[in-house]
C-alpha atoms as a PDB file:
ATOM      1  CA  MET A   1      20.638 -52.218 -18.127  1.00  0.00           C
ATOM      2  CA  ALA A   2      18.904 -52.006 -14.697  1.00  0.00           C
ATOM      3  CA  GLU A   3      17.608 -55.098 -12.968  1.00  0.00           C
ATOM      4  CA  GLU A   4      14.650 -54.720 -10.353  1.00  0.00           C
ATOM      5  CA  MET A   5      15.599 -56.826  -7.338  1.00  0.00           C
ATOM      6  CA  GLU A   6      12.816 -55.685  -4.705  1.00  0.00           C
ATOM      7  CA  TYR A   7      10.016 -53.242  -4.361  1.00  0.00           C
ATOM      8  CA  GLY A   8       8.466 -51.983  -1.171  1.00  0.00           C
ATOM      9  CA  SER A   9      10.372 -54.548   1.119  1.00  0.00           C
ATOM     10  CA  GLY A  10       9.341 -52.909   4.302  1.00  0.00           C
ATOM     11  CA  LEU A  11      13.160 -53.103   5.389  1.00  0.00           C
ATOM     12  CA  LEU A  12      14.142 -50.276   7.776  1.00  0.00           C
ATOM     13  CA  TYR A  13      17.349 -48.634   8.148  1.00  0.00           C
ATOM     14  CA  THR A  14      18.398 -45.940  10.741  1.00  0.00           C
ATOM     15  CA  LEU A  15      20.552 -43.288   8.825  1.00  0.00           C
ATOM     16  CA  GLU A  16      22.617 -40.430  10.274  1.00  0.00           C
ATOM     17  CA  ASP A  17      22.831 -37.055   8.596  1.00  0.00           C
ATOM     18  CA  GLU A  18      25.765 -34.733   8.641  1.00  0.00           C
ATOM     19  CA  GLU A  19      24.750 -33.279  11.876  1.00  0.00           C
ATOM     20  CA  GLY A  20      24.437 -36.597  13.699  1.00  0.00           C
ATOM     21  CA  ASN A  21      20.702 -36.701  13.780  1.00  0.00           C
ATOM     22  CA  GLU A  22      19.281 -40.217  13.206  1.00  0.00           C
ATOM     23  CA  LYS A  23      16.151 -40.945  11.233  1.00  0.00           C
ATOM     24  CA  GLU A  24      14.590 -44.084  10.109  1.00  0.00           C
ATOM     25  CA  PHE A  25      14.060 -44.816   6.402  1.00  0.00           C
ATOM     26  CA  GLU A  26      12.171 -47.596   4.690  1.00  0.00           C
ATOM     27  CA  VAL A  27      13.658 -49.340   1.608  1.00  0.00           C
ATOM     28  CA  LEU A  28      11.028 -48.460  -1.276  1.00  0.00           C
ATOM     29  CA  GLY A  29      12.901 -50.429  -3.877  1.00  0.00           C
ATOM     30  CA  GLU A  30      16.258 -51.734  -4.987  1.00  0.00           C
ATOM     31  CA  LEU A  31      17.907 -52.202  -8.342  1.00  0.00           C
ATOM     32  CA  GLU A  32      21.224 -53.307  -9.825  1.00  0.00           C
ATOM     33  CA  TYR A  33      23.014 -50.983 -12.174  1.00  0.00           C
ATOM     34  CA  GLN A  34      26.423 -51.408 -13.692  1.00  0.00           C
ATOM     35  CA  ASN A  35      27.483 -54.300 -11.274  1.00  0.00           C
ATOM     36  CA  ALA A  36      26.231 -52.102  -8.110  1.00  0.00           C
ATOM     37  CA  VAL A  37      23.111 -52.319  -5.937  1.00  0.00           C
ATOM     38  CA  TYR A  38      21.296 -49.134  -5.143  1.00  0.00           C
ATOM     39  CA  CYS A  39      18.457 -48.438  -2.612  1.00  0.00           C
ATOM     40  CA  ALA A  40      15.694 -45.971  -2.807  1.00  0.00           C
ATOM     41  CA  LEU A  41      14.561 -45.060   0.635  1.00  0.00           C
ATOM     42  CA  ILE A  42      11.849 -42.849   2.114  1.00  0.00           C
ATOM     43  CA  PRO A  43      11.281 -41.532   5.608  1.00  0.00           C
ATOM     44  CA  TYR A  44       9.428 -44.126   7.640  1.00  0.00           C
ATOM     45  CA  TYR A  45       6.542 -42.795   9.711  1.00  0.00           C
ATOM     46  CA  GLU A  46       4.865 -45.019  12.320  1.00  0.00           C
ATOM     47  CA  ASN A  47       1.512 -43.384  11.583  1.00  0.00           C
ATOM     48  CA  PRO A  48       0.670 -43.791   7.897  1.00  0.00           C
ATOM     49  CA  GLU A  49      -1.193 -40.485   7.865  1.00  0.00           C
ATOM     50  CA  ASP A  50       2.095 -38.637   8.436  1.00  0.00           C
ATOM     51  CA  LEU A  51       3.370 -39.924   5.047  1.00  0.00           C
ATOM     52  CA  LEU A  52       0.631 -37.941   3.398  1.00  0.00           C
ATOM     53  CA  ASN A  53       2.386 -34.634   4.593  1.00  0.00           C
ATOM     54  CA  ASP A  54       5.901 -35.750   3.302  1.00  0.00           C
ATOM     55  CA  ASP A  55       7.298 -34.306   0.156  1.00  0.00           C
ATOM     56  CA  GLY A  56       7.315 -37.608  -1.415  1.00  0.00           C
ATOM     57  CA  GLU A  57      11.079 -37.488  -2.491  1.00  0.00           C
ATOM     58  CA  PHE A  58      13.309 -40.466  -2.077  1.00  0.00           C
ATOM     59  CA  VAL A  59      17.010 -40.918  -1.155  1.00  0.00           C
ATOM     60  CA  VAL A  60      19.289 -43.079  -3.250  1.00  0.00           C
ATOM     61  CA  LEU A  61      22.208 -44.869  -1.681  1.00  0.00           C
ATOM     62  CA  LYS A  62      24.755 -47.479  -2.947  1.00  0.00           C
ATOM     63  CA  ARG A  63      25.375 -50.584  -1.153  1.00  0.00           C
ATOM     64  CA  GLU A  64      29.175 -51.098  -0.636  1.00  0.00           C
ATOM     65  CA  MET A  65      31.297 -53.377   1.293  1.00  0.00           C
ATOM     66  CA  ILE A  66      33.626 -51.491   3.905  1.00  0.00           C
ATOM     67  CA  ASP A  67      35.619 -53.504   6.160  1.00  0.00           C
ATOM     68  CA  ASN A  68      33.817 -56.659   5.335  1.00  0.00           C
ATOM     69  CA  GLU A  69      30.437 -54.988   6.322  1.00  0.00           C
ATOM     70  CA  GLU A  70      27.723 -54.106   3.873  1.00  0.00           C
ATOM     71  CA  MET A  71      26.969 -50.294   4.114  1.00  0.00           C
ATOM     72  CA  LEU A  72      24.505 -47.824   2.533  1.00  0.00           C
ATOM     73  CA  CYS A  73      26.695 -45.081   1.165  1.00  0.00           C
ATOM     74  CA  THR A  74      26.079 -41.638  -0.427  1.00  0.00           C
ATOM     75  CA  ILE A  75      26.705 -41.445  -4.167  1.00  0.00           C
ATOM     76  CA  GLU A  76      29.236 -38.752  -4.822  1.00  0.00           C
ATOM     77  CA  ASP A  77      29.159 -38.565  -8.739  1.00  0.00           C
ATOM     78  CA  ASP A  78      26.289 -36.535  -9.829  1.00  0.00           C
ATOM     79  CA  ASP A  79      26.150 -38.403 -13.112  1.00  0.00           C
ATOM     80  CA  GLU A  80      25.687 -41.684 -11.459  1.00  0.00           C
ATOM     81  CA  TYR A  81      23.117 -40.384  -8.865  1.00  0.00           C
ATOM     82  CA  ASP A  82      21.080 -38.865 -11.753  1.00  0.00           C
ATOM     83  CA  ALA A  83      21.253 -42.159 -13.856  1.00  0.00           C
ATOM     84  CA  VAL A  84      20.223 -44.342 -10.905  1.00  0.00           C
ATOM     85  CA  GLY A  85      17.559 -41.771  -9.636  1.00  0.00           C
ATOM     86  CA  ASN A  86      15.951 -41.797 -13.133  1.00  0.00           C
ATOM     87  CA  LEU A  87      15.998 -45.501 -13.261  1.00  0.00           C
ATOM     88  CA  PHE A  88      13.978 -45.694  -9.933  1.00  0.00           C
ATOM     89  CA  ILE A  89      11.514 -43.004 -11.287  1.00  0.00           C
ATOM     90  CA  GLU A  90      10.991 -45.156 -14.340  1.00  0.00           C
ATOM     91  CA  MET A  91      10.670 -48.301 -12.117  1.00  0.00           C
ATOM     92  CA  PHE A  92       8.055 -46.633  -9.981  1.00  0.00           C
ATOM     93  CA  SER A  93       6.282 -45.093 -12.628  1.00  0.00           C
ATOM     94  CA  GLU A  94       5.794 -48.606 -14.456  1.00  0.00           C
ATOM     95  CA  GLU A  95       4.579 -49.896 -11.032  1.00  0.00           C
ATOM     96  CA  ASP A  96       2.001 -47.228 -10.730  1.00  0.00           C
ATOM     97  CA  ALA A  97       0.835 -47.746 -14.292  1.00  0.00           C
ATOM     98  CA  GLU A  98       0.364 -51.443 -13.575  1.00  0.00           C
ATOM     99  CA  GLU A  99      -1.642 -50.808 -10.450  1.00  0.00           C
ATOM    100  CA  ASP A 100      -3.820 -48.316 -12.377  1.00  0.00           C
ATOM    101  CA  LYS A 101      -4.726 -51.091 -14.970  1.00  0.00           C
ATOM    102  CA  ALA A 102      -5.920 -53.350 -12.070  1.00  0.00           C
END
């Protein structure tokens, strides 16, 4: 069972890709699934209008303790990634539906 912890926190992380390029991401939401915490992140844009040109996809990373430091790590298992990604999609869809009712 997934447990929602945060939504739209405004928390920013600078992540580095395989080529060493750094980019800022904003935490869109967090959830707990099978005793682990996962984060959905979207690229951060200083100009909100730039977000409109983004593809809208989010990145899912897992919080892990490495050398006594909390890190966001890539999910290597495809089944785990798909399960958590689907939980985030469900969570965001429910949030959108509630906003539409208001």
